[in-house]
């Protein structure tokens, strides 16, 4: 099971968006749909889906948060002619009803690259990997450190590398002396692996009117209470953001620290069990596995 899952918060469009992505990207599909009843946001659809073989999760839980480019997703295509055409086909689907942040074109770092915010507001960076570059997965979450966070990307990467297992530092590309407003030595681009999953990050000193928020979080599946306690204690830095397994770290990035067993409990066909589970976790900040299991089995 994938350890870290990107989680997208929609107003009402979770099912619609998951179906859209499953027909837009290669090797993509909706894997489950569950409805949580009587939450503070009313009835909420929770949808699991795959984008090019990578697990995602999404929820329809009201218009509380809006997507922005502080978290986007790099989509790596290889250099074969077939996948060049596939990149263009995916781009055309994503740009319809959306907005172009960087046009699909040739850039110094890629023969074909474009950054688009789709009709739901989720941002995607499509690119052909350069020849000779170390292989990267088809999907990589990308963190953009702006505003007060600018200059902290390297510190964040080192923090995450120290916290998780199965880690690796990848490329490190820094700004030079004549790349104002970006400060020399800060990160123009870097990628890194945690829990066998690749992510990327960069600093940007240009004016951006957005920051990390709960619209996109990273859900971490934990097998034991000790593991939940560990990640909660290490990551949580904003006490008022702690709720239902959610927290914010020192950079403002949102995480969900979730028991692995929650996946199978939420998939139960027994609505009464799911209802008891929902009532239990809505009262929690940090999840307590035993209490969740007791509520489910009661």
C-alpha atoms as a PDB file:
ATOM      1  CA  UNK A   1       0.000   0.000   0.000  1.00  0.00           C
ATOM      2  CA  UNK A   2       1.209   3.495  -0.863  1.00  0.00           C
ATOM      3  CA  UNK A   3       2.325   5.127   2.399  1.00  0.00           C
ATOM      4  CA  UNK A   4       1.664   8.786   1.547  1.00  0.00           C
ATOM      5  CA  UNK A   5      -1.508   9.737  -0.334  1.00  0.00           C
ATOM      6  CA  UNK A   6      -2.247  13.194  -1.810  1.00  0.00           C
ATOM      7  CA  UNK A   7      -5.665  14.269  -0.535  1.00  0.00           C
ATOM      8  CA  UNK A   8      -7.823  16.852  -2.365  1.00  0.00           C
ATOM      9  CA  UNK A   9     -10.650  18.786  -0.658  1.00  0.00           C
ATOM     10  CA  UNK A  10     -13.543  19.802  -2.934  1.00  0.00           C
ATOM     11  CA  UNK A  11     -16.807  21.590  -2.292  1.00  0.00           C
ATOM     12  CA  UNK A  12     -19.126  19.121  -4.069  1.00  0.00           C
ATOM     13  CA  UNK A  13     -17.063  17.823  -6.993  1.00  0.00           C
ATOM     14  CA  UNK A  14     -15.055  14.921  -5.530  1.00  0.00           C
ATOM     15  CA  UNK A  15     -16.738  12.179  -7.565  1.00  0.00           C
ATOM     16  CA  UNK A  16     -16.894  14.274 -10.726  1.00  0.00           C
ATOM     17  CA  UNK A  17     -13.219  15.265 -10.468  1.00  0.00           C
ATOM     18  CA  UNK A  18     -12.043  11.709  -9.745  1.00  0.00           C
ATOM     19  CA  UNK A  19     -13.926  10.452 -12.794  1.00  0.00           C
ATOM     20  CA  UNK A  20     -12.425  13.269 -14.888  1.00  0.00           C
ATOM     21  CA  UNK A  21      -8.874  12.422 -13.825  1.00  0.00           C
ATOM     22  CA  UNK A  22      -9.463   8.699 -14.345  1.00  0.00           C
ATOM     23  CA  UNK A  23     -10.358   9.350 -17.990  1.00  0.00           C
ATOM     24  CA  UNK A  24      -7.665  11.976 -18.555  1.00  0.00           C
ATOM     25  CA  UNK A  25      -4.471  10.251 -17.430  1.00  0.00           C
ATOM     26  CA  UNK A  26      -3.039   6.857 -18.475  1.00  0.00           C
ATOM     27  CA  UNK A  27      -3.564   3.884 -16.146  1.00  0.00           C
ATOM     28  CA  UNK A  28      -6.067   5.767 -14.004  1.00  0.00           C
ATOM     29  CA  UNK A  29      -9.306   4.665 -12.355  1.00  0.00           C
ATOM     30  CA  UNK A  30     -11.747   5.316  -9.527  1.00  0.00           C
ATOM     31  CA  UNK A  31     -11.225   2.617  -6.886  1.00  0.00           C
ATOM     32  CA  UNK A  32     -13.864   3.387  -4.229  1.00  0.00           C
ATOM     33  CA  UNK A  33     -16.644   5.798  -3.271  1.00  0.00           C
ATOM     34  CA  UNK A  34     -17.913   6.096   0.316  1.00  0.00           C
ATOM     35  CA  UNK A  35     -20.392   8.571   1.784  1.00  0.00           C
ATOM     36  CA  UNK A  36     -19.927   9.861   5.329  1.00  0.00           C
ATOM     37  CA  UNK A  37     -23.262  10.818   6.879  1.00  0.00           C
ATOM     38  CA  UNK A  38     -24.078  13.642   9.296  1.00  0.00           C
ATOM     39  CA  UNK A  39     -20.695  15.359   9.412  1.00  0.00           C
ATOM     40  CA  UNK A  40     -20.374  19.110  10.158  1.00  0.00           C
ATOM     41  CA  UNK A  41     -20.346  19.550   6.357  1.00  0.00           C
ATOM     42  CA  UNK A  42     -23.383  17.316   5.876  1.00  0.00           C
ATOM     43  CA  UNK A  43     -23.083  14.124   3.842  1.00  0.00           C
ATOM     44  CA  UNK A  44     -19.559  13.916   2.359  1.00  0.00           C
ATOM     45  CA  UNK A  45     -18.382  11.744  -0.512  1.00  0.00           C
ATOM     46  CA  UNK A  46     -14.919  10.242   0.009  1.00  0.00           C
ATOM     47  CA  UNK A  47     -13.406   8.973  -3.234  1.00  0.00           C
ATOM     48  CA  UNK A  48     -10.214   6.998  -3.796  1.00  0.00           C
ATOM     49  CA  UNK A  49      -8.731   6.968  -7.269  1.00  0.00           C
ATOM     50  CA  UNK A  50      -5.477   6.337  -9.116  1.00  0.00           C
ATOM     51  CA  UNK A  51      -3.638   8.692 -11.458  1.00  0.00           C
ATOM     52  CA  UNK A  52      -1.183   6.758 -13.611  1.00  0.00           C
ATOM     53  CA  UNK A  53      -0.990   4.057 -10.939  1.00  0.00           C
ATOM     54  CA  UNK A  54      -0.504   6.503  -8.029  1.00  0.00           C
ATOM     55  CA  UNK A  55      -3.120   6.619  -5.285  1.00  0.00           C
ATOM     56  CA  UNK A  56      -5.081   9.790  -4.553  1.00  0.00           C
ATOM     57  CA  UNK A  57      -7.999  10.508  -2.245  1.00  0.00           C
ATOM     58  CA  UNK A  58     -10.575  13.271  -2.388  1.00  0.00           C
ATOM     59  CA  UNK A  59     -13.549  14.473  -0.380  1.00  0.00           C
ATOM     60  CA  UNK A  60     -16.584  16.696  -0.995  1.00  0.00           C
ATOM     61  CA  UNK A  61     -16.840  18.588   2.294  1.00  0.00           C
ATOM     62  CA  UNK A  62     -17.952  22.124   1.501  1.00  0.00           C
ATOM     63  CA  UNK A  63     -16.424  25.357   0.149  1.00  0.00           C
ATOM     64  CA  UNK A  64     -13.939  25.858   2.973  1.00  0.00           C
ATOM     65  CA  UNK A  65     -10.677  25.810   0.994  1.00  0.00           C
ATOM     66  CA  UNK A  66      -9.570  26.726  -2.525  1.00  0.00           C
ATOM     67  CA  UNK A  67      -6.856  25.041  -4.548  1.00  0.00           C
ATOM     68  CA  UNK A  68      -3.808  27.074  -5.505  1.00  0.00           C
ATOM     69  CA  UNK A  69      -0.401  26.328  -7.094  1.00  0.00           C
ATOM     70  CA  UNK A  70       1.471  26.053  -3.779  1.00  0.00           C
ATOM     71  CA  UNK A  71       0.985  22.295  -4.195  1.00  0.00           C
ATOM     72  CA  UNK A  72       0.885  20.900  -7.722  1.00  0.00           C
ATOM     73  CA  UNK A  73       1.650  17.582  -9.385  1.00  0.00           C
ATOM     74  CA  UNK A  74       4.485  16.939 -11.826  1.00  0.00           C
ATOM     75  CA  UNK A  75       3.503  14.438 -14.504  1.00  0.00           C
ATOM     76  CA  UNK A  76       6.571  12.864 -16.131  1.00  0.00           C
ATOM     77  CA  UNK A  77       6.322  11.567 -19.677  1.00  0.00           C
ATOM     78  CA  UNK A  78       9.189   9.797 -21.420  1.00  0.00           C
ATOM     79  CA  UNK A  79      10.659  10.756 -24.775  1.00  0.00           C
ATOM     80  CA  UNK A  80       9.027   8.142 -27.010  1.00  0.00           C
ATOM     81  CA  UNK A  81       6.804   9.512 -29.755  1.00  0.00           C
ATOM     82  CA  UNK A  82       3.743   7.754 -28.360  1.00  0.00           C
ATOM     83  CA  UNK A  83       4.084   9.427 -24.976  1.00  0.00           C
ATOM     84  CA  UNK A  84       4.869  12.810 -26.552  1.00  0.00           C
ATOM     85  CA  UNK A  85       1.434  12.580 -28.164  1.00  0.00           C
ATOM     86  CA  UNK A  86      -0.059  11.407 -24.871  1.00  0.00           C
ATOM     87  CA  UNK A  87       1.341  14.484 -23.111  1.00  0.00           C
ATOM     88  CA  UNK A  88      -0.404  16.732 -25.653  1.00  0.00           C
ATOM     89  CA  UNK A  89      -3.673  14.815 -25.240  1.00  0.00           C
ATOM     90  CA  UNK A  90      -3.570  15.140 -21.438  1.00  0.00           C
ATOM     91  CA  UNK A  91      -2.713  18.835 -21.745  1.00  0.00           C
ATOM     92  CA  UNK A  92      -5.722  19.479 -23.974  1.00  0.00           C
ATOM     93  CA  UNK A  93      -8.020  17.807 -21.459  1.00  0.00           C
ATOM     94  CA  UNK A  94      -6.598  19.713 -18.478  1.00  0.00           C
ATOM     95  CA  UNK A  95      -6.567  23.123 -20.138  1.00  0.00           C
ATOM     96  CA  UNK A  96     -10.241  22.932 -21.139  1.00  0.00           C
ATOM     97  CA  UNK A  97     -12.048  25.195 -18.690  1.00  0.00           C
ATOM     98  CA  UNK A  98      -8.791  25.772 -16.799  1.00  0.00           C
ATOM     99  CA  UNK A  99      -5.974  28.327 -16.997  1.00  0.00           C
ATOM    100  CA  UNK A 100      -2.408  28.138 -18.284  1.00  0.00           C
ATOM    101  CA  UNK A 101       0.267  29.114 -15.736  1.00  0.00           C
ATOM    102  CA  UNK A 102       3.208  28.348 -18.078  1.00  0.00           C
ATOM    103  CA  UNK A 103       2.529  27.633 -21.770  1.00  0.00           C
ATOM    104  CA  UNK A 104       3.252  24.219 -23.236  1.00  0.00           C
ATOM    105  CA  UNK A 105       6.599  24.841 -24.901  1.00  0.00           C
ATOM    106  CA  UNK A 106      10.319  24.040 -24.945  1.00  0.00           C
ATOM    107  CA  UNK A 107      12.274  25.153 -21.850  1.00  0.00           C
ATOM    108  CA  UNK A 108      15.928  24.780 -20.763  1.00  0.00           C
ATOM    109  CA  UNK A 109      14.952  21.998 -18.351  1.00  0.00           C
ATOM    110  CA  UNK A 110      12.605  20.111 -20.703  1.00  0.00           C
ATOM    111  CA  UNK A 111      11.953  19.817 -24.419  1.00  0.00           C
ATOM    112  CA  UNK A 112       8.241  19.972 -23.706  1.00  0.00           C
ATOM    113  CA  UNK A 113       6.723  21.379 -20.534  1.00  0.00           C
ATOM    114  CA  UNK A 114       3.602  23.205 -19.421  1.00  0.00           C
ATOM    115  CA  UNK A 115       1.928  24.159 -16.130  1.00  0.00           C
ATOM    116  CA  UNK A 116      -1.860  24.236 -16.047  1.00  0.00           C
ATOM    117  CA  UNK A 117      -4.517  24.812 -13.411  1.00  0.00           C
ATOM    118  CA  UNK A 118      -7.472  22.615 -14.375  1.00  0.00           C
ATOM    119  CA  UNK A 119     -11.173  23.508 -14.248  1.00  0.00           C
ATOM    120  CA  UNK A 120     -11.339  22.426 -10.600  1.00  0.00           C
ATOM    121  CA  UNK A 121      -8.326  24.547  -9.625  1.00  0.00           C
ATOM    122  CA  UNK A 122      -5.820  21.680  -9.206  1.00  0.00           C
ATOM    123  CA  UNK A 123      -2.396  22.399 -10.747  1.00  0.00           C
ATOM    124  CA  UNK A 124      -0.419  19.993 -12.960  1.00  0.00           C
ATOM    125  CA  UNK A 125       3.045  20.299 -14.507  1.00  0.00           C
ATOM    126  CA  UNK A 126       3.396  18.125 -17.609  1.00  0.00           C
ATOM    127  CA  UNK A 127       6.922  17.493 -18.854  1.00  0.00           C
ATOM    128  CA  UNK A 128       9.172  15.307 -20.937  1.00  0.00           C
ATOM    129  CA  UNK A 129      12.098  14.085 -18.872  1.00  0.00           C
ATOM    130  CA  UNK A 130      15.488  15.124 -20.245  1.00  0.00           C
ATOM    131  CA  UNK A 131      17.671  12.446 -21.812  1.00  0.00           C
ATOM    132  CA  UNK A 132      20.111  10.992 -19.317  1.00  0.00           C
ATOM    133  CA  UNK A 133      18.137  12.198 -16.323  1.00  0.00           C
ATOM    134  CA  UNK A 134      17.660   9.792 -13.441  1.00  0.00           C
ATOM    135  CA  UNK A 135      14.310   8.042 -13.730  1.00  0.00           C
ATOM    136  CA  UNK A 136      11.466   9.557 -11.737  1.00  0.00           C
ATOM    137  CA  UNK A 137       7.919   8.259 -11.242  1.00  0.00           C
ATOM    138  CA  UNK A 138       5.073   9.419 -13.443  1.00  0.00           C
ATOM    139  CA  UNK A 139       3.485  11.499 -10.645  1.00  0.00           C
ATOM    140  CA  UNK A 140       5.329  13.683  -8.103  1.00  0.00           C
ATOM    141  CA  UNK A 141       3.761  16.171  -5.646  1.00  0.00           C
ATOM    142  CA  UNK A 142       5.497  19.544  -5.963  1.00  0.00           C
ATOM    143  CA  UNK A 143       5.770  22.058  -3.093  1.00  0.00           C
ATOM    144  CA  UNK A 144       6.239  25.759  -3.855  1.00  0.00           C
ATOM    145  CA  UNK A 145       7.711  27.830  -1.016  1.00  0.00           C
ATOM    146  CA  UNK A 146       6.638  31.464  -1.414  1.00  0.00           C
ATOM    147  CA  UNK A 147       6.090  34.572   0.700  1.00  0.00           C
ATOM    148  CA  UNK A 148       7.306  34.086   4.267  1.00  0.00           C
ATOM    149  CA  UNK A 149       8.161  30.489   3.347  1.00  0.00           C
ATOM    150  CA  UNK A 150      10.509  31.484   0.532  1.00  0.00           C
ATOM    151  CA  UNK A 151      14.037  30.303   1.301  1.00  0.00           C
ATOM    152  CA  UNK A 152      12.795  27.457   3.513  1.00  0.00           C
ATOM    153  CA  UNK A 153      12.449  24.727   0.868  1.00  0.00           C
ATOM    154  CA  UNK A 154      15.828  23.161   1.639  1.00  0.00           C
ATOM    155  CA  UNK A 155      15.157  23.235   5.372  1.00  0.00           C
ATOM    156  CA  UNK A 156      11.795  21.535   4.767  1.00  0.00           C
ATOM    157  CA  UNK A 157      13.340  18.834   2.596  1.00  0.00           C
ATOM    158  CA  UNK A 158      15.990  18.086   5.214  1.00  0.00           C
ATOM    159  CA  UNK A 159      13.295  17.965   7.898  1.00  0.00           C
ATOM    160  CA  UNK A 160      11.172  15.497   5.950  1.00  0.00           C
ATOM    161  CA  UNK A 161      14.215  13.372   5.104  1.00  0.00           C
ATOM    162  CA  UNK A 162      15.059  13.170   8.817  1.00  0.00           C
ATOM    163  CA  UNK A 163      11.511  12.235   9.777  1.00  0.00           C
ATOM    164  CA  UNK A 164      10.498   9.485   7.366  1.00  0.00           C
ATOM    165  CA  UNK A 165      11.955   6.124   6.342  1.00  0.00           C
ATOM    166  CA  UNK A 166      13.229   4.985   2.922  1.00  0.00           C
ATOM    167  CA  UNK A 167      14.560   8.409   1.987  1.00  0.00           C
ATOM    168  CA  UNK A 168      16.883   9.817  -0.651  1.00  0.00           C
ATOM    169  CA  UNK A 169      18.042  13.269  -1.725  1.00  0.00           C
ATOM    170  CA  UNK A 170      17.741  13.783  -5.467  1.00  0.00           C
ATOM    171  CA  UNK A 171      18.674  16.742  -7.634  1.00  0.00           C
ATOM    172  CA  UNK A 172      19.644  20.045  -6.027  1.00  0.00           C
ATOM    173  CA  UNK A 173      19.646  23.088  -8.336  1.00  0.00           C
ATOM    174  CA  UNK A 174      20.231  26.514  -6.802  1.00  0.00           C
ATOM    175  CA  UNK A 175      19.568  30.052  -7.945  1.00  0.00           C
ATOM    176  CA  UNK A 176      22.630  31.934  -9.157  1.00  0.00           C
ATOM    177  CA  UNK A 177      23.794  35.489  -8.409  1.00  0.00           C
ATOM    178  CA  UNK A 178      21.795  37.227 -11.146  1.00  0.00           C
ATOM    179  CA  UNK A 179      18.366  35.703 -10.733  1.00  0.00           C
ATOM    180  CA  UNK A 180      16.603  38.374  -8.693  1.00  0.00           C
ATOM    181  CA  UNK A 181      14.287  38.541  -6.893  1.00  0.00           C
ATOM    182  CA  UNK A 182      15.334  35.017  -5.938  1.00  0.00           C
ATOM    183  CA  UNK A 183      18.243  34.890  -3.509  1.00  0.00           C
ATOM    184  CA  UNK A 184      21.436  33.221  -4.627  1.00  0.00           C
ATOM    185  CA  UNK A 185      21.795  29.750  -3.137  1.00  0.00           C
ATOM    186  CA  UNK A 186      18.110  29.124  -2.494  1.00  0.00           C
ATOM    187  CA  UNK A 187      16.451  26.223  -4.281  1.00  0.00           C
ATOM    188  CA  UNK A 188      15.449  26.628  -7.898  1.00  0.00           C
ATOM    189  CA  UNK A 189      14.487  22.953  -7.878  1.00  0.00           C
ATOM    190  CA  UNK A 190      15.106  19.885  -5.783  1.00  0.00           C
ATOM    191  CA  UNK A 191      13.498  16.482  -5.554  1.00  0.00           C
ATOM    192  CA  UNK A 192      13.615  13.974  -2.726  1.00  0.00           C
ATOM    193  CA  UNK A 193      12.207  10.610  -1.720  1.00  0.00           C
ATOM    194  CA  UNK A 194      10.387   9.761   1.525  1.00  0.00           C
ATOM    195  CA  UNK A 195       8.763   6.390   2.189  1.00  0.00           C
ATOM    196  CA  UNK A 196       9.860   5.358  -1.339  1.00  0.00           C
ATOM    197  CA  UNK A 197       7.826   8.195  -2.858  1.00  0.00           C
ATOM    198  CA  UNK A 198       9.331  11.103  -4.774  1.00  0.00           C
ATOM    199  CA  UNK A 199       8.344  14.720  -4.179  1.00  0.00           C
ATOM    200  CA  UNK A 200       9.839  17.983  -5.417  1.00  0.00           C
ATOM    201  CA  UNK A 201      10.153  21.505  -4.035  1.00  0.00           C
ATOM    202  CA  UNK A 202      11.427  24.971  -4.908  1.00  0.00           C
ATOM    203  CA  UNK A 203      11.609  28.519  -3.561  1.00  0.00           C
ATOM    204  CA  UNK A 204      10.112  31.469  -5.423  1.00  0.00           C
ATOM    205  CA  UNK A 205      10.613  35.081  -4.308  1.00  0.00           C
ATOM    206  CA  UNK A 206       8.256  36.433  -6.962  1.00  0.00           C
ATOM    207  CA  UNK A 207       4.953  37.802  -5.721  1.00  0.00           C
ATOM    208  CA  UNK A 208       2.442  35.019  -5.193  1.00  0.00           C
ATOM    209  CA  UNK A 209      -0.896  35.622  -3.517  1.00  0.00           C
ATOM    210  CA  UNK A 210      -1.305  32.129  -2.143  1.00  0.00           C
ATOM    211  CA  UNK A 211       0.142  29.747   0.419  1.00  0.00           C
ATOM    212  CA  UNK A 212      -0.240  26.161   1.583  1.00  0.00           C
ATOM    213  CA  UNK A 213      -3.730  25.348   2.846  1.00  0.00           C
ATOM    214  CA  UNK A 214      -5.950  22.356   3.599  1.00  0.00           C
ATOM    215  CA  UNK A 215      -7.237  22.038   0.011  1.00  0.00           C
ATOM    216  CA  UNK A 216      -4.319  19.677  -0.623  1.00  0.00           C
ATOM    217  CA  UNK A 217      -2.855  17.641   2.212  1.00  0.00           C
ATOM    218  CA  UNK A 218      -0.605  14.599   2.439  1.00  0.00           C
ATOM    219  CA  UNK A 219      -2.214  11.626   4.156  1.00  0.00           C
ATOM    220  CA  UNK A 220       0.203   9.265   5.936  1.00  0.00           C
ATOM    221  CA  UNK A 221      -0.994   5.735   6.659  1.00  0.00           C
ATOM    222  CA  UNK A 222       0.277   4.371   9.983  1.00  0.00           C
ATOM    223  CA  UNK A 223       0.154   0.738  11.110  1.00  0.00           C
ATOM    224  CA  UNK A 224       0.427   1.322  14.875  1.00  0.00           C
ATOM    225  CA  UNK A 225      -0.510   3.873  17.519  1.00  0.00           C
ATOM    226  CA  UNK A 226       3.193   4.397  18.191  1.00  0.00           C
ATOM    227  CA  UNK A 227       3.661   5.427  14.575  1.00  0.00           C
ATOM    228  CA  UNK A 228       0.716   7.827  14.750  1.00  0.00           C
ATOM    229  CA  UNK A 229       2.123   9.348  17.953  1.00  0.00           C
ATOM    230  CA  UNK A 230       5.562   9.707  16.370  1.00  0.00           C
ATOM    231  CA  UNK A 231       4.429  11.557  13.233  1.00  0.00           C
ATOM    232  CA  UNK A 232       1.949  13.679  15.192  1.00  0.00           C
ATOM    233  CA  UNK A 233       4.577  14.801  17.680  1.00  0.00           C
ATOM    234  CA  UNK A 234       7.173  15.509  14.976  1.00  0.00           C
ATOM    235  CA  UNK A 235       4.944  17.237  12.441  1.00  0.00           C
ATOM    236  CA  UNK A 236       2.265  19.185  14.306  1.00  0.00           C
ATOM    237  CA  UNK A 237       3.224  22.842  14.769  1.00  0.00           C
ATOM    238  CA  UNK A 238      -0.153  24.642  14.720  1.00  0.00           C
ATOM    239  CA  UNK A 239      -2.343  23.420  17.622  1.00  0.00           C
ATOM    240  CA  UNK A 240      -5.492  25.143  16.353  1.00  0.00           C
ATOM    241  CA  UNK A 241      -5.233  23.162  13.084  1.00  0.00           C
ATOM    242  CA  UNK A 242      -5.382  19.787  14.855  1.00  0.00           C
ATOM    243  CA  UNK A 243      -8.674  18.064  14.067  1.00  0.00           C
ATOM    244  CA  UNK A 244      -9.826  14.628  12.836  1.00  0.00           C
ATOM    245  CA  UNK A 245      -6.273  13.434  12.197  1.00  0.00           C
ATOM    246  CA  UNK A 246      -5.310  16.679  10.411  1.00  0.00           C
ATOM    247  CA  UNK A 247      -2.384  18.890  11.384  1.00  0.00           C
ATOM    248  CA  UNK A 248      -0.168  21.613   9.956  1.00  0.00           C
ATOM    249  CA  UNK A 249       3.610  21.465  10.067  1.00  0.00           C
ATOM    250  CA  UNK A 250       6.065  24.321  10.702  1.00  0.00           C
ATOM    251  CA  UNK A 251       5.816  25.389   7.028  1.00  0.00           C
ATOM    252  CA  UNK A 252       2.012  25.453   6.966  1.00  0.00           C
ATOM    253  CA  UNK A 253       1.714  22.263   4.920  1.00  0.00           C
ATOM    254  CA  UNK A 254      -1.254  20.096   5.923  1.00  0.00           C
ATOM    255  CA  UNK A 255      -0.910  16.392   6.737  1.00  0.00           C
ATOM    256  CA  UNK A 256      -3.344  13.696   7.809  1.00  0.00           C
ATOM    257  CA  UNK A 257      -1.958  11.058  10.164  1.00  0.00           C
ATOM    258  CA  UNK A 258      -4.296   8.122   9.666  1.00  0.00           C
ATOM    259  CA  UNK A 259      -4.433   4.476  10.813  1.00  0.00           C
ATOM    260  CA  UNK A 260      -3.917   2.064   7.909  1.00  0.00           C
ATOM    261  CA  UNK A 261      -6.894   0.057   9.178  1.00  0.00           C
ATOM    262  CA  UNK A 262      -9.144   3.065   8.561  1.00  0.00           C
ATOM    263  CA  UNK A 263      -9.115   2.238   4.847  1.00  0.00           C
ATOM    264  CA  UNK A 264     -10.803  -1.143   5.306  1.00  0.00           C
ATOM    265  CA  UNK A 265     -13.192   0.143   7.994  1.00  0.00           C
ATOM    266  CA  UNK A 266     -14.337   2.993   5.766  1.00  0.00           C
ATOM    267  CA  UNK A 267     -14.899   0.514   2.938  1.00  0.00           C
ATOM    268  CA  UNK A 268     -17.309  -1.569   5.051  1.00  0.00           C
ATOM    269  CA  UNK A 269     -20.758  -2.119   3.545  1.00  0.00           C
ATOM    270  CA  UNK A 270     -22.253  -1.837   7.043  1.00  0.00           C
ATOM    271  CA  UNK A 271     -23.531   1.746   7.255  1.00  0.00           C
ATOM    272  CA  UNK A 272     -24.099   1.534  11.021  1.00  0.00           C
ATOM    273  CA  UNK A 273     -20.458   0.605  11.601  1.00  0.00           C
ATOM    274  CA  UNK A 274     -19.315   3.451   9.340  1.00  0.00           C
ATOM    275  CA  UNK A 275     -21.627   5.853  11.166  1.00  0.00           C
ATOM    276  CA  UNK A 276     -20.194   4.877  14.577  1.00  0.00           C
ATOM    277  CA  UNK A 277     -16.678   5.212  13.192  1.00  0.00           C
ATOM    278  CA  UNK A 278     -17.471   8.656  11.773  1.00  0.00           C
ATOM    279  CA  UNK A 279     -18.947   9.887  15.073  1.00  0.00           C
ATOM    280  CA  UNK A 280     -15.847   8.646  16.889  1.00  0.00           C
ATOM    281  CA  UNK A 281     -13.234  10.250  14.672  1.00  0.00           C
ATOM    282  CA  UNK A 282     -15.087  13.568  14.428  1.00  0.00           C
ATOM    283  CA  UNK A 283     -14.478  13.975  18.168  1.00  0.00           C
ATOM    284  CA  UNK A 284     -10.738  13.343  17.915  1.00  0.00           C
ATOM    285  CA  UNK A 285      -7.730  15.467  17.133  1.00  0.00           C
ATOM    286  CA  UNK A 286      -4.998  12.820  17.010  1.00  0.00           C
ATOM    287  CA  UNK A 287      -6.480   9.457  16.051  1.00  0.00           C
ATOM    288  CA  UNK A 288      -6.658   6.718  18.672  1.00  0.00           C
ATOM    289  CA  UNK A 289      -6.672   3.351  16.889  1.00  0.00           C
ATOM    290  CA  UNK A 290      -8.215   1.395  19.771  1.00  0.00           C
ATOM    291  CA  UNK A 291     -11.066   3.859  20.236  1.00  0.00           C
ATOM    292  CA  UNK A 292     -11.773   3.822  16.506  1.00  0.00           C
ATOM    293  CA  UNK A 293     -11.798   0.034  16.419  1.00  0.00           C
ATOM    294  CA  UNK A 294     -14.027  -0.148  19.500  1.00  0.00           C
ATOM    295  CA  UNK A 295     -16.526   2.262  17.924  1.00  0.00           C
ATOM    296  CA  UNK A 296     -16.527   0.326  14.664  1.00  0.00           C
ATOM    297  CA  UNK A 297     -17.095  -3.031  16.399  1.00  0.00           C
ATOM    298  CA  UNK A 298     -19.615  -1.858  19.027  1.00  0.00           C
END
